Amino acid sequence: MPILKIDEIAPDGVKITLDWDKFVVGSSMFIPCIDNEKCVAQVRKICEQKGFKVSHKCVIYGEKLGVRIWRTV
């Protein structure tokens, strides 16, 4: 498992850096991963620290399995 900064995730053991500054209310992001539950848990933890409310759905996008996260508030 890589060493992560506070706002990075690694659901499958590969570090992913997300641009949280561009994650505004009403926007969404797709995070390709296999371990969807771990991805959601890591994203929810970061969003809770940042004061973001989010919803999620496990999807296949462009033939890739992953999680789509929407910022609601």
N, C-alpha and C. Protein backbone atom coordinates (compact mmCIF):
# COMPACT_ATOMS: atom_id res chain seq x y z
N MET A 1 0.85 -1.18 0.00
CA MET A 1 0.00 0.00 0.00
C MET A 1 0.89 1.24 0.00
N PRO A 2 0.66 2.15 -0.93
CA PRO A 2 1.49 3.36 -0.98
C PRO A 2 1.17 4.30 0.19
N ILE A 3 2.12 5.16 0.51
CA ILE A 3 1.90 6.18 1.53
C ILE A 3 1.07 7.28 0.89
N LEU A 4 -0.05 7.61 1.54
CA LEU A 4 -1.00 8.56 0.97
C LEU A 4 -0.99 9.89 1.71
N LYS A 5 -1.23 10.95 0.96
CA LYS A 5 -1.47 12.25 1.58
C LYS A 5 -2.91 12.24 2.06
N ILE A 6 -3.29 13.28 2.79
CA ILE A 6 -4.63 13.34 3.38
C ILE A 6 -5.74 13.24 2.35
N ASP A 7 -5.55 13.81 1.15
CA ASP A 7 -6.63 13.84 0.16
C ASP A 7 -6.39 12.92 -1.03
N GLU A 8 -5.65 11.83 -0.84
CA GLU A 8 -5.43 10.84 -1.89
C GLU A 8 -6.10 9.52 -1.50
N ILE A 9 -6.42 8.73 -2.51
CA ILE A 9 -7.03 7.42 -2.26
C ILE A 9 -6.21 6.35 -2.98
N ALA A 10 -6.39 5.12 -2.57
CA ALA A 10 -5.74 3.97 -3.23
C ALA A 10 -6.58 2.72 -2.99
N PRO A 11 -7.77 2.65 -3.59
CA PRO A 11 -8.64 1.50 -3.31
C PRO A 11 -8.09 0.16 -3.79
N ASP A 12 -7.29 0.17 -4.85
CA ASP A 12 -6.74 -1.07 -5.39
C ASP A 12 -5.23 -1.16 -5.19
N GLY A 13 -4.68 -0.29 -4.33
CA GLY A 13 -3.25 -0.30 -4.09
C GLY A 13 -2.46 0.63 -5.00
N VAL A 14 -3.15 1.33 -5.89
CA VAL A 14 -2.52 2.31 -6.78
C VAL A 14 -3.01 3.69 -6.36
N LYS A 15 -2.07 4.58 -6.07
CA LYS A 15 -2.42 5.91 -5.58
C LYS A 15 -3.15 6.71 -6.65
N ILE A 16 -4.25 7.35 -6.25
CA ILE A 16 -5.04 8.21 -7.13
C ILE A 16 -5.14 9.58 -6.47
N THR A 17 -4.73 10.61 -7.19
CA THR A 17 -4.84 11.98 -6.70
C THR A 17 -6.02 12.63 -7.40
N LEU A 18 -6.96 13.13 -6.64
CA LEU A 18 -8.16 13.78 -7.19
C LEU A 18 -8.05 15.29 -7.01
N ASP A 19 -8.60 16.03 -7.95
CA ASP A 19 -8.57 17.49 -7.88
C ASP A 19 -9.80 17.97 -7.11
N TRP A 20 -9.69 18.01 -5.79
CA TRP A 20 -10.81 18.35 -4.93
C TRP A 20 -11.27 19.79 -5.11
N ASP A 21 -10.39 20.70 -5.56
CA ASP A 21 -10.77 22.10 -5.77
C ASP A 21 -11.80 22.24 -6.89
N LYS A 22 -11.78 21.35 -7.85
CA LYS A 22 -12.73 21.40 -8.97
C LYS A 22 -14.01 20.61 -8.69
N PHE A 23 -14.08 19.97 -7.55
CA PHE A 23 -15.25 19.15 -7.19
C PHE A 23 -16.29 20.05 -6.52
N VAL A 24 -17.02 20.79 -7.34
CA VAL A 24 -18.01 21.75 -6.85
C VAL A 24 -19.38 21.09 -6.78
N VAL A 25 -20.31 21.73 -6.07
CA VAL A 25 -21.66 21.21 -5.93
C VAL A 25 -22.28 21.02 -7.32
N GLY A 26 -22.85 19.85 -7.55
CA GLY A 26 -23.47 19.52 -8.83
C GLY A 26 -22.54 18.79 -9.79
N SER A 27 -21.26 18.71 -9.47
CA SER A 27 -20.33 18.02 -10.36
C SER A 27 -20.17 16.57 -9.93
N SER A 28 -19.55 15.78 -10.80
CA SER A 28 -19.29 14.38 -10.48
C SER A 28 -17.92 14.00 -11.00
N MET A 29 -17.42 12.87 -10.48
CA MET A 29 -16.16 12.33 -10.99
C MET A 29 -16.26 10.82 -11.01
N PHE A 30 -15.59 10.23 -11.99
CA PHE A 30 -15.53 8.78 -12.12
C PHE A 30 -14.17 8.32 -11.64
N ILE A 31 -14.17 7.34 -10.75
CA ILE A 31 -12.93 6.79 -10.22
C ILE A 31 -12.87 5.32 -10.63
N PRO A 32 -11.99 4.97 -11.58
CA PRO A 32 -11.89 3.57 -11.98
C PRO A 32 -11.24 2.73 -10.87
N CYS A 33 -11.89 1.62 -10.51
CA CYS A 33 -11.35 0.76 -9.46
C CYS A 33 -12.09 -0.57 -9.48
N ILE A 34 -11.49 -1.54 -8.82
CA ILE A 34 -12.11 -2.86 -8.69
C ILE A 34 -12.77 -2.99 -7.32
N ASP A 35 -12.10 -2.51 -6.29
CA ASP A 35 -12.63 -2.58 -4.93
C ASP A 35 -13.51 -1.35 -4.66
N ASN A 36 -14.75 -1.42 -5.14
CA ASN A 36 -15.66 -0.28 -5.05
C ASN A 36 -15.97 0.12 -3.62
N GLU A 37 -16.15 -0.85 -2.74
CA GLU A 37 -16.48 -0.54 -1.34
C GLU A 37 -15.35 0.24 -0.67
N LYS A 38 -14.12 -0.16 -0.91
CA LYS A 38 -12.98 0.54 -0.32
C LYS A 38 -12.86 1.94 -0.90
N CYS A 39 -13.11 2.09 -2.19
CA CYS A 39 -13.07 3.40 -2.84
C CYS A 39 -14.09 4.34 -2.22
N VAL A 40 -15.31 3.87 -2.07
CA VAL A 40 -16.37 4.69 -1.49
C VAL A 40 -16.02 5.09 -0.06
N ALA A 41 -15.50 4.16 0.72
CA ALA A 41 -15.12 4.45 2.11
C ALA A 41 -14.03 5.52 2.16
N GLN A 42 -13.02 5.41 1.30
CA GLN A 42 -11.93 6.39 1.29
C GLN A 42 -12.43 7.76 0.85
N VAL A 43 -13.27 7.80 -0.19
CA VAL A 43 -13.80 9.08 -0.67
C VAL A 43 -14.71 9.71 0.38
N ARG A 44 -15.57 8.93 1.00
CA ARG A 44 -16.46 9.46 2.03
C ARG A 44 -15.68 10.04 3.21
N LYS A 45 -14.60 9.41 3.60
CA LYS A 45 -13.78 9.91 4.70
C LYS A 45 -13.18 11.28 4.35
N ILE A 46 -12.66 11.41 3.15
CA ILE A 46 -12.08 12.69 2.72
C ILE A 46 -13.18 13.74 2.62
N CYS A 47 -14.31 13.39 2.04
CA CYS A 47 -15.41 14.35 1.88
C CYS A 47 -15.95 14.80 3.24
N GLU A 48 -16.00 13.90 4.19
CA GLU A 48 -16.45 14.26 5.53
C GLU A 48 -15.51 15.29 6.15
N GLN A 49 -14.20 15.08 5.97
CA GLN A 49 -13.22 16.04 6.49
C GLN A 49 -13.33 17.40 5.82
N LYS A 50 -13.70 17.41 4.54
CA LYS A 50 -13.82 18.66 3.79
C LYS A 50 -15.20 19.30 3.94
N GLY A 51 -16.14 18.59 4.56
CA GLY A 51 -17.49 19.12 4.73
C GLY A 51 -18.36 18.96 3.50
N PHE A 52 -17.99 18.03 2.60
CA PHE A 52 -18.77 17.78 1.38
C PHE A 52 -19.80 16.68 1.67
N LYS A 53 -20.96 16.81 1.06
CA LYS A 53 -21.95 15.73 1.06
C LYS A 53 -21.95 15.14 -0.34
N VAL A 54 -21.92 13.82 -0.42
CA VAL A 54 -21.81 13.16 -1.71
C VAL A 54 -22.77 11.98 -1.80
N SER A 55 -23.05 11.58 -3.03
CA SER A 55 -23.74 10.33 -3.29
C SER A 55 -22.89 9.57 -4.29
N HIS A 56 -23.10 8.27 -4.38
CA HIS A 56 -22.26 7.46 -5.26
C HIS A 56 -23.07 6.35 -5.92
N LYS A 57 -22.49 5.81 -6.98
CA LYS A 57 -23.08 4.66 -7.66
C LYS A 57 -21.94 3.88 -8.33
N CYS A 58 -21.96 2.58 -8.21
CA CYS A 58 -20.98 1.73 -8.88
C CYS A 58 -21.44 1.58 -10.33
N VAL A 59 -20.54 1.89 -11.27
CA VAL A 59 -20.92 1.92 -12.69
C VAL A 59 -19.81 1.33 -13.55
N ILE A 60 -20.17 1.09 -14.81
CA ILE A 60 -19.19 0.77 -15.85
C ILE A 60 -19.22 1.95 -16.81
N TYR A 61 -18.08 2.59 -16.99
CA TYR A 61 -17.97 3.79 -17.82
C TYR A 61 -16.80 3.59 -18.78
N GLY A 62 -17.07 3.65 -20.08
CA GLY A 62 -16.01 3.43 -21.05
C GLY A 62 -15.35 2.08 -20.90
N GLU A 63 -16.15 1.05 -20.63
CA GLU A 63 -15.71 -0.32 -20.43
C GLU A 63 -14.80 -0.49 -19.20
N LYS A 64 -14.88 0.45 -18.25
CA LYS A 64 -14.09 0.36 -17.02
C LYS A 64 -15.03 0.35 -15.82
N LEU A 65 -14.78 -0.56 -14.89
CA LEU A 65 -15.54 -0.64 -13.66
C LEU A 65 -15.05 0.42 -12.69
N GLY A 66 -15.95 1.04 -11.97
CA GLY A 66 -15.54 2.04 -11.01
C GLY A 66 -16.71 2.62 -10.24
N VAL A 67 -16.46 3.78 -9.65
CA VAL A 67 -17.47 4.48 -8.83
C VAL A 67 -17.62 5.90 -9.36
N ARG A 68 -18.88 6.31 -9.54
CA ARG A 68 -19.14 7.71 -9.87
C ARG A 68 -19.61 8.38 -8.59
N ILE A 69 -18.99 9.50 -8.27
CA ILE A 69 -19.29 10.27 -7.06
C ILE A 69 -19.87 11.61 -7.49
N TRP A 70 -21.01 11.98 -6.91
CA TRP A 70 -21.62 13.29 -7.14
C TRP A 70 -21.53 14.12 -5.86
N ARG A 71 -21.16 15.38 -5.99
CA ARG A 71 -21.18 16.27 -4.82
C ARG A 71 -22.54 16.93 -4.78
N THR A 72 -23.25 16.73 -3.68
CA THR A 72 -24.61 17.28 -3.55
C THR A 72 -24.63 18.57 -2.75
N VAL A 73 -23.78 18.72 -1.74
CA VAL A 73 -23.70 19.97 -0.96
C VAL A 73 -22.27 20.14 -0.50
